């Protein structure tokens, strides 16, 4: 009976981790998030579409775009840091030390890495040259919110 319970527990653990991985495999590009939130057409001061929803995003992270002292990272849509592609800011709200340690394990080996993030969609007003532009960013708070 004890062995049978251990087998059930093992199967349950496998199912949990396989379900989490499946969600990350359906991650979207940064440009798709911009379109999904309609932030480019929403005036400053208003809420973006789908704010506070979980979103699964894929992008490229570069060592030079990790700002541990500010609890944030910048992701690029492509693996070309100089490209004109979209970027997005990811704010780490809790468990910062553990999240940055996990990132460091992958980034220290290379200058960049493909990353998958599950985070909450947030909108932000950005003053630009006397005007205001609506932007979007993600918030994460756990090491399970990132995969490489």
N, C-alpha and C. Protein backbone atom coordinates (compact mmCIF):
# COMPACT_ATOMS: atom_id res chain seq x y z
N UNK A 1 0.82 -1.19 0.00
CA UNK A 1 0.00 0.00 0.00
C UNK A 1 0.87 1.26 0.00
N UNK A 2 1.96 1.23 0.79
CA UNK A 2 2.86 2.38 0.86
C UNK A 2 3.49 2.65 -0.51
N UNK A 3 3.89 1.60 -1.19
CA UNK A 3 4.49 1.74 -2.52
C UNK A 3 3.48 2.31 -3.51
N UNK A 4 2.24 1.88 -3.41
CA UNK A 4 1.20 2.37 -4.29
C UNK A 4 0.97 3.87 -4.08
N UNK A 5 0.97 4.30 -2.83
CA UNK A 5 0.82 5.73 -2.54
C UNK A 5 1.99 6.53 -3.10
N UNK A 6 3.19 6.00 -3.01
CA UNK A 6 4.36 6.67 -3.56
C UNK A 6 4.27 6.79 -5.08
N UNK A 7 3.76 5.77 -5.72
CA UNK A 7 3.59 5.80 -7.18
C UNK A 7 2.57 6.87 -7.56
N UNK A 8 1.45 6.93 -6.83
CA UNK A 8 0.45 7.96 -7.11
C UNK A 8 1.02 9.36 -6.91
N UNK A 9 1.80 9.54 -5.86
CA UNK A 9 2.42 10.83 -5.59
C UNK A 9 3.38 11.21 -6.71
N UNK A 10 4.17 10.25 -7.15
CA UNK A 10 5.12 10.50 -8.24
C UNK A 10 4.39 10.90 -9.52
N UNK A 11 3.32 10.21 -9.84
CA UNK A 11 2.53 10.53 -11.04
C UNK A 11 1.91 11.92 -10.92
N UNK A 12 1.42 12.25 -9.75
CA UNK A 12 0.84 13.58 -9.53
C UNK A 12 1.86 14.68 -9.74
N UNK A 13 3.06 14.50 -9.22
CA UNK A 13 4.13 15.49 -9.40
C UNK A 13 4.46 15.63 -10.89
N UNK A 14 4.57 14.53 -11.59
CA UNK A 14 4.85 14.59 -13.04
C UNK A 14 3.76 15.33 -13.79
N UNK A 15 2.52 15.09 -13.45
CA UNK A 15 1.41 15.77 -14.11
C UNK A 15 1.43 17.28 -13.86
N UNK A 16 1.73 17.66 -12.64
CA UNK A 16 1.78 19.09 -12.31
C UNK A 16 2.85 19.79 -13.14
N UNK A 17 4.05 19.22 -13.19
CA UNK A 17 5.12 19.86 -13.94
C UNK A 17 4.88 19.81 -15.44
N UNK A 18 4.26 18.77 -15.94
CA UNK A 18 3.99 18.72 -17.37
C UNK A 18 2.92 19.73 -17.76
N UNK A 19 1.96 19.99 -16.89
CA UNK A 19 0.94 21.01 -17.17
C UNK A 19 1.55 22.40 -17.20
N UNK A 20 2.47 22.68 -16.27
CA UNK A 20 3.12 23.99 -16.26
C UNK A 20 3.96 24.18 -17.51
N UNK A 21 4.65 23.17 -17.96
CA UNK A 21 5.47 23.27 -19.15
C UNK A 21 4.61 23.50 -20.38
N UNK A 22 3.47 22.85 -20.45
CA UNK A 22 2.58 23.01 -21.61
C UNK A 22 2.15 24.46 -21.75
N UNK A 23 1.88 25.13 -20.66
CA UNK A 23 1.49 26.54 -20.74
C UNK A 23 2.60 27.38 -21.31
N UNK A 24 3.85 27.13 -20.90
CA UNK A 24 4.97 27.92 -21.38
C UNK A 24 5.23 27.67 -22.86
N UNK A 25 4.89 26.48 -23.36
CA UNK A 25 5.08 26.20 -24.77
C UNK A 25 4.14 27.03 -25.64
N UNK A 26 3.08 27.58 -25.04
CA UNK A 26 2.14 28.42 -25.77
C UNK A 26 2.42 29.90 -25.53
N UNK A 27 3.65 30.24 -25.23
CA UNK A 27 4.03 31.62 -24.97
C UNK A 27 3.98 32.44 -26.26
N UNK A 28 3.68 33.73 -26.11
CA UNK A 28 3.51 34.62 -27.24
C UNK A 28 4.68 35.60 -27.35
N UNK A 29 4.81 36.22 -28.50
CA UNK A 29 5.83 37.24 -28.74
C UNK A 29 5.42 38.56 -28.10
N UNK A 30 6.38 39.43 -27.89
CA UNK A 30 6.12 40.73 -27.28
C UNK A 30 5.16 41.55 -28.14
N UNK A 31 5.33 41.53 -29.44
CA UNK A 31 4.44 42.29 -30.32
C UNK A 31 2.99 41.82 -30.21
N UNK A 32 2.81 40.52 -29.95
CA UNK A 32 1.45 39.99 -29.76
C UNK A 32 0.84 40.52 -28.46
N UNK A 33 1.66 40.69 -27.44
CA UNK A 33 1.17 41.27 -26.18
C UNK A 33 0.74 42.72 -26.38
N UNK A 34 1.52 43.48 -27.13
CA UNK A 34 1.17 44.88 -27.41
C UNK A 34 -0.19 44.94 -28.10
N UNK A 35 -0.39 44.09 -29.09
CA UNK A 35 -1.66 44.04 -29.81
C UNK A 35 -2.79 43.57 -28.89
N UNK A 36 -2.54 42.56 -28.08
CA UNK A 36 -3.54 41.97 -27.18
C UNK A 36 -4.06 43.00 -26.17
N UNK A 37 -3.18 43.87 -25.70
CA UNK A 37 -3.58 44.86 -24.69
C UNK A 37 -4.11 46.14 -25.30
N UNK A 38 -3.96 46.32 -26.61
CA UNK A 38 -4.37 47.54 -27.31
C UNK A 38 -3.75 48.80 -26.71
N UNK A 39 -2.58 48.66 -26.11
CA UNK A 39 -2.00 49.81 -25.41
C UNK A 39 -1.61 50.94 -26.37
N UNK A 40 -1.39 50.62 -27.64
CA UNK A 40 -0.99 51.68 -28.58
C UNK A 40 -2.14 52.62 -28.93
N UNK A 41 -3.37 52.26 -28.61
CA UNK A 41 -4.51 53.12 -28.93
C UNK A 41 -5.26 53.60 -27.69
N UNK A 42 -4.83 53.19 -26.51
CA UNK A 42 -5.51 53.60 -25.28
C UNK A 42 -4.84 54.86 -24.74
N UNK A 43 -5.62 55.88 -24.45
CA UNK A 43 -5.04 57.14 -23.94
C UNK A 43 -4.45 56.95 -22.53
N UNK A 44 -3.50 57.78 -22.21
CA UNK A 44 -2.92 57.76 -20.88
C UNK A 44 -4.01 58.03 -19.84
N UNK A 45 -3.84 57.45 -18.69
CA UNK A 45 -4.81 57.60 -17.62
C UNK A 45 -5.91 56.55 -17.64
N UNK A 46 -6.01 55.79 -18.71
CA UNK A 46 -7.03 54.75 -18.80
C UNK A 46 -6.39 53.36 -18.63
N UNK A 47 -7.21 52.39 -18.31
CA UNK A 47 -6.74 51.02 -18.11
C UNK A 47 -6.59 50.31 -19.45
N UNK A 48 -5.50 49.58 -19.60
CA UNK A 48 -5.30 48.81 -20.84
C UNK A 48 -6.19 47.57 -20.82
N UNK A 49 -6.45 47.04 -21.99
CA UNK A 49 -7.23 45.80 -22.10
C UNK A 49 -6.46 44.65 -21.44
N UNK A 50 -7.15 43.82 -20.71
CA UNK A 50 -6.62 42.61 -20.09
C UNK A 50 -5.64 42.88 -18.95
N UNK A 51 -5.69 44.07 -18.37
CA UNK A 51 -4.80 44.37 -17.24
C UNK A 51 -5.05 43.39 -16.10
N UNK A 52 -4.00 42.97 -15.45
CA UNK A 52 -3.97 42.02 -14.33
C UNK A 52 -4.21 40.57 -14.72
N UNK A 53 -4.35 40.28 -16.01
CA UNK A 53 -4.44 38.89 -16.46
C UNK A 53 -3.05 38.29 -16.53
N UNK A 54 -2.96 36.96 -16.36
CA UNK A 54 -1.70 36.26 -16.59
C UNK A 54 -1.46 36.15 -18.08
N UNK A 55 -0.20 36.26 -18.47
CA UNK A 55 0.17 36.20 -19.88
C UNK A 55 1.47 35.42 -20.00
N UNK A 56 1.60 34.62 -21.02
CA UNK A 56 2.78 33.81 -21.25
C UNK A 56 3.55 34.41 -22.42
N UNK A 57 4.78 34.79 -22.14
CA UNK A 57 5.59 35.55 -23.09
C UNK A 57 6.91 34.86 -23.34
N UNK A 58 7.38 34.95 -24.57
CA UNK A 58 8.73 34.47 -24.88
C UNK A 58 9.54 35.63 -25.42
N UNK A 59 10.81 35.62 -25.12
CA UNK A 59 11.69 36.67 -25.59
C UNK A 59 13.14 36.28 -25.38
N UNK A 60 14.02 37.23 -25.61
CA UNK A 60 15.44 37.02 -25.41
C UNK A 60 15.92 37.99 -24.34
N UNK A 61 16.68 37.47 -23.40
CA UNK A 61 17.24 38.29 -22.33
C UNK A 61 18.75 38.38 -22.54
N UNK A 62 19.29 39.58 -22.35
CA UNK A 62 20.72 39.83 -22.48
C UNK A 62 21.30 40.19 -21.13
N UNK A 63 22.53 39.79 -20.91
CA UNK A 63 23.20 40.07 -19.64
C UNK A 63 23.20 41.56 -19.32
N UNK A 64 23.37 42.41 -20.32
CA UNK A 64 23.43 43.86 -20.09
C UNK A 64 22.06 44.46 -19.77
N UNK A 65 20.99 43.70 -19.91
CA UNK A 65 19.64 44.21 -19.64
C UNK A 65 19.01 43.57 -18.40
N UNK A 66 19.87 43.18 -17.47
CA UNK A 66 19.42 42.68 -16.17
C UNK A 66 19.78 43.74 -15.14
N UNK A 67 18.78 44.29 -14.49
CA UNK A 67 18.98 45.38 -13.54
C UNK A 67 18.55 44.91 -12.15
N UNK A 68 19.41 44.12 -11.53
CA UNK A 68 19.06 43.50 -10.26
C UNK A 68 18.80 44.54 -9.17
N UNK A 69 19.57 45.63 -9.16
CA UNK A 69 19.37 46.65 -8.13
C UNK A 69 18.06 47.41 -8.31
N UNK A 70 17.43 47.30 -9.48
CA UNK A 70 16.14 47.95 -9.75
C UNK A 70 15.00 46.93 -9.83
N UNK A 71 15.31 45.66 -9.61
CA UNK A 71 14.32 44.57 -9.65
C UNK A 71 13.56 44.51 -10.97
N UNK A 72 14.31 44.60 -12.08
CA UNK A 72 13.68 44.55 -13.39
C UNK A 72 14.65 43.98 -14.42
N UNK A 73 14.06 43.48 -15.51
CA UNK A 73 14.83 43.03 -16.67
C UNK A 73 14.12 43.55 -17.92
N UNK A 74 14.86 43.63 -19.00
CA UNK A 74 14.30 44.01 -20.29
C UNK A 74 14.44 42.81 -21.22
N UNK A 75 13.33 42.47 -21.88
CA UNK A 75 13.34 41.38 -22.86
C UNK A 75 13.22 41.95 -24.26
N UNK A 76 13.84 41.27 -25.20
CA UNK A 76 13.76 41.62 -26.61
C UNK A 76 12.96 40.56 -27.33
N UNK A 77 12.25 40.98 -28.37
CA UNK A 77 11.44 40.02 -29.12
C UNK A 77 12.31 39.05 -29.91
N UNK A 78 13.44 39.52 -30.38
CA UNK A 78 14.33 38.66 -31.18
C UNK A 78 15.65 38.49 -30.44
N UNK A 79 16.54 37.74 -31.04
CA UNK A 79 17.86 37.57 -30.45
C UNK A 79 18.86 38.59 -31.00
N UNK A 80 18.35 39.68 -31.54
CA UNK A 80 19.20 40.76 -32.06
C UNK A 80 18.99 41.99 -31.20
N UNK A 81 19.95 42.29 -30.33
CA UNK A 81 19.80 43.38 -29.37
C UNK A 81 19.68 44.74 -30.07
N UNK A 82 20.26 44.89 -31.24
CA UNK A 82 20.21 46.16 -31.95
C UNK A 82 19.02 46.28 -32.89
N UNK A 83 18.16 45.29 -32.90
CA UNK A 83 17.04 45.28 -33.85
C UNK A 83 15.98 46.31 -33.48
N UNK A 84 15.10 46.56 -34.42
CA UNK A 84 13.98 47.48 -34.22
C UNK A 84 12.78 46.78 -33.59
N UNK A 85 12.93 45.54 -33.21
CA UNK A 85 11.82 44.77 -32.65
C UNK A 85 11.42 45.30 -31.28
N UNK A 86 10.28 44.85 -30.83
CA UNK A 86 9.72 45.28 -29.56
C UNK A 86 10.57 44.81 -28.38
N UNK A 87 10.52 45.60 -27.33
CA UNK A 87 11.09 45.22 -26.04
C UNK A 87 10.00 45.35 -24.98
N UNK A 88 10.21 44.71 -23.85
CA UNK A 88 9.26 44.84 -22.75
C UNK A 88 10.04 44.77 -21.44
N UNK A 89 9.55 45.53 -20.49
CA UNK A 89 10.13 45.52 -19.16
C UNK A 89 9.38 44.50 -18.30
N UNK A 90 10.12 43.76 -17.51
CA UNK A 90 9.55 42.80 -16.57
C UNK A 90 9.99 43.22 -15.17
N UNK A 91 9.01 43.50 -14.32
CA UNK A 91 9.28 43.93 -12.95
C UNK A 91 9.14 42.72 -12.02
N UNK A 92 10.12 42.53 -11.16
CA UNK A 92 10.08 41.43 -10.20
C UNK A 92 9.61 42.00 -8.86
N UNK A 93 8.43 41.58 -8.40
CA UNK A 93 7.81 42.19 -7.22
C UNK A 93 8.08 41.44 -5.92
N UNK A 94 8.39 40.14 -5.99
CA UNK A 94 8.69 39.33 -4.81
C UNK A 94 9.76 38.31 -5.18
N UNK A 95 10.38 37.74 -4.18
CA UNK A 95 11.39 36.68 -4.38
C UNK A 95 12.50 37.10 -5.34
N UNK A 96 12.88 38.37 -5.27
CA UNK A 96 13.86 38.91 -6.21
C UNK A 96 15.17 38.12 -6.20
N UNK A 97 15.68 37.83 -5.01
CA UNK A 97 16.98 37.14 -4.91
C UNK A 97 16.93 35.80 -5.63
N UNK A 98 15.89 35.01 -5.38
CA UNK A 98 15.77 33.68 -6.02
C UNK A 98 15.60 33.79 -7.53
N UNK A 99 14.83 34.75 -7.97
CA UNK A 99 14.61 34.92 -9.42
C UNK A 99 15.90 35.33 -10.11
N UNK A 100 16.63 36.30 -9.54
CA UNK A 100 17.88 36.72 -10.17
C UNK A 100 18.94 35.62 -10.11
N UNK A 101 18.93 34.79 -9.08
CA UNK A 101 19.86 33.65 -9.04
C UNK A 101 19.54 32.67 -10.16
N UNK A 102 18.27 32.42 -10.40
CA UNK A 102 17.88 31.51 -11.48
C UNK A 102 18.29 32.08 -12.83
N UNK A 103 18.07 33.37 -13.03
CA UNK A 103 18.48 34.01 -14.28
C UNK A 103 19.99 33.92 -14.45
N UNK A 104 20.73 34.19 -13.38
CA UNK A 104 22.19 34.17 -13.45
C UNK A 104 22.75 32.81 -13.84
N UNK A 105 22.09 31.75 -13.38
CA UNK A 105 22.57 30.40 -13.73
C UNK A 105 22.58 30.19 -15.24
N UNK A 106 21.66 30.81 -15.95
CA UNK A 106 21.57 30.62 -17.40
C UNK A 106 22.34 31.70 -18.16
N UNK A 107 22.29 32.91 -17.68
CA UNK A 107 22.91 34.01 -18.41
C UNK A 107 24.43 34.03 -18.23
N UNK A 108 24.95 33.63 -17.10
CA UNK A 108 26.39 33.68 -16.88
C UNK A 108 27.15 32.82 -17.88
N UNK A 109 26.51 31.79 -18.40
CA UNK A 109 27.15 30.92 -19.39
C UNK A 109 27.21 31.60 -20.76
N UNK A 110 26.27 32.46 -21.06
CA UNK A 110 26.15 33.11 -22.37
C UNK A 110 25.86 34.59 -22.19
N UNK A 111 25.96 35.33 -23.26
CA UNK A 111 25.59 36.75 -23.23
C UNK A 111 24.08 36.93 -23.30
N UNK A 112 23.38 35.92 -23.84
CA UNK A 112 21.93 36.02 -23.97
C UNK A 112 21.32 34.62 -23.87
N UNK A 113 20.00 34.61 -23.68
CA UNK A 113 19.29 33.34 -23.62
C UNK A 113 17.83 33.57 -23.97
N UNK A 114 17.21 32.56 -24.55
CA UNK A 114 15.76 32.60 -24.79
C UNK A 114 15.09 32.33 -23.45
N UNK A 115 14.04 33.10 -23.15
CA UNK A 115 13.38 32.99 -21.85
C UNK A 115 11.87 32.97 -22.06
N UNK A 116 11.18 32.24 -21.21
CA UNK A 116 9.73 32.19 -21.20
C UNK A 116 9.27 32.73 -19.86
N UNK A 117 8.30 33.63 -19.88
CA UNK A 117 7.84 34.29 -18.66
C UNK A 117 6.33 34.22 -18.58
N UNK A 118 5.86 33.94 -17.37
CA UNK A 118 4.44 34.05 -17.06
C UNK A 118 4.31 35.20 -16.06
N UNK A 119 3.57 36.24 -16.45
CA UNK A 119 3.44 37.38 -15.56
C UNK A 119 2.09 38.05 -15.69
N UNK A 120 1.84 38.96 -14.79
CA UNK A 120 0.61 39.76 -14.81
C UNK A 120 0.80 40.96 -15.71
N UNK A 121 -0.17 41.21 -16.56
CA UNK A 121 -0.14 42.36 -17.47
C UNK A 121 -0.43 43.63 -16.68
N UNK A 122 0.40 44.63 -16.88
CA UNK A 122 0.23 45.93 -16.23
C UNK A 122 0.41 47.04 -17.26
N UNK A 123 -0.35 48.11 -17.09
CA UNK A 123 -0.22 49.28 -17.96
C UNK A 123 0.47 50.42 -17.24
N UNK A 124 1.11 51.28 -18.00
CA UNK A 124 1.84 52.40 -17.40
C UNK A 124 1.83 53.58 -18.37
N UNK A 125 1.68 54.78 -17.83
CA UNK A 125 1.77 56.00 -18.63
C UNK A 125 3.22 56.45 -18.68
N UNK A 126 3.70 56.74 -19.89
CA UNK A 126 5.07 57.20 -20.09
C UNK A 126 5.06 58.60 -20.70
N UNK A 127 5.51 59.62 -19.95
CA UNK A 127 5.61 60.96 -20.54
C UNK A 127 6.78 60.99 -21.55
N UNK A 128 6.49 61.46 -22.76
CA UNK A 128 7.51 61.52 -23.82
C UNK A 128 7.37 62.85 -24.55
N UNK A 129 8.38 63.71 -24.45
CA UNK A 129 8.42 64.98 -25.17
C UNK A 129 7.13 65.79 -25.05
N UNK A 130 6.64 65.94 -23.85
CA UNK A 130 5.43 66.73 -23.64
C UNK A 130 4.14 65.98 -23.92
N UNK A 131 4.22 64.79 -24.44
CA UNK A 131 3.04 63.95 -24.69
C UNK A 131 3.04 62.79 -23.71
N UNK A 132 2.06 61.93 -23.85
CA UNK A 132 1.99 60.74 -23.01
C UNK A 132 1.72 59.54 -23.90
N UNK A 133 2.44 58.48 -23.63
CA UNK A 133 2.29 57.24 -24.37
C UNK A 133 1.94 56.13 -23.39
N UNK A 134 0.95 55.31 -23.74
CA UNK A 134 0.57 54.19 -22.89
C UNK A 134 1.48 53.01 -23.19
N UNK A 135 2.00 52.40 -22.15
CA UNK A 135 2.87 51.25 -22.32
C UNK A 135 2.39 50.06 -21.52
N UNK A 136 3.02 48.93 -21.73
CA UNK A 136 2.66 47.71 -21.05
C UNK A 136 3.93 47.06 -20.51
N UNK A 137 3.81 46.40 -19.36
CA UNK A 137 4.91 45.62 -18.81
C UNK A 137 4.32 44.42 -18.07
N UNK A 138 5.18 43.51 -17.67
CA UNK A 138 4.74 42.34 -16.91
C UNK A 138 5.33 42.38 -15.51
N UNK A 139 4.58 41.83 -14.55
CA UNK A 139 5.07 41.65 -13.20
C UNK A 139 5.17 40.15 -12.91
N UNK A 140 6.29 39.75 -12.31
CA UNK A 140 6.45 38.36 -11.88
C UNK A 140 6.85 38.36 -10.41
N UNK A 141 6.58 37.22 -9.73
CA UNK A 141 6.92 37.17 -8.31
C UNK A 141 7.41 35.81 -7.82
N UNK A 142 7.73 34.91 -8.74
CA UNK A 142 8.18 33.58 -8.30
C UNK A 142 9.11 32.98 -9.36
N UNK A 143 10.01 32.11 -8.91
CA UNK A 143 10.92 31.45 -9.85
C UNK A 143 10.19 30.56 -10.85
N UNK A 144 8.99 30.10 -10.49
CA UNK A 144 8.22 29.28 -11.43
C UNK A 144 7.66 30.11 -12.59
N UNK A 145 7.76 31.44 -12.48
CA UNK A 145 7.27 32.31 -13.54
C UNK A 145 8.25 32.44 -14.69
N UNK A 146 9.44 31.86 -14.57
CA UNK A 146 10.42 31.94 -15.66
C UNK A 146 10.95 30.55 -16.00
N UNK A 147 11.20 30.37 -17.28
CA UNK A 147 11.81 29.12 -17.78
C UNK A 147 12.80 29.50 -18.88
N UNK A 148 13.79 28.67 -19.02
CA UNK A 148 14.77 28.85 -20.09
C UNK A 148 14.73 27.68 -21.04
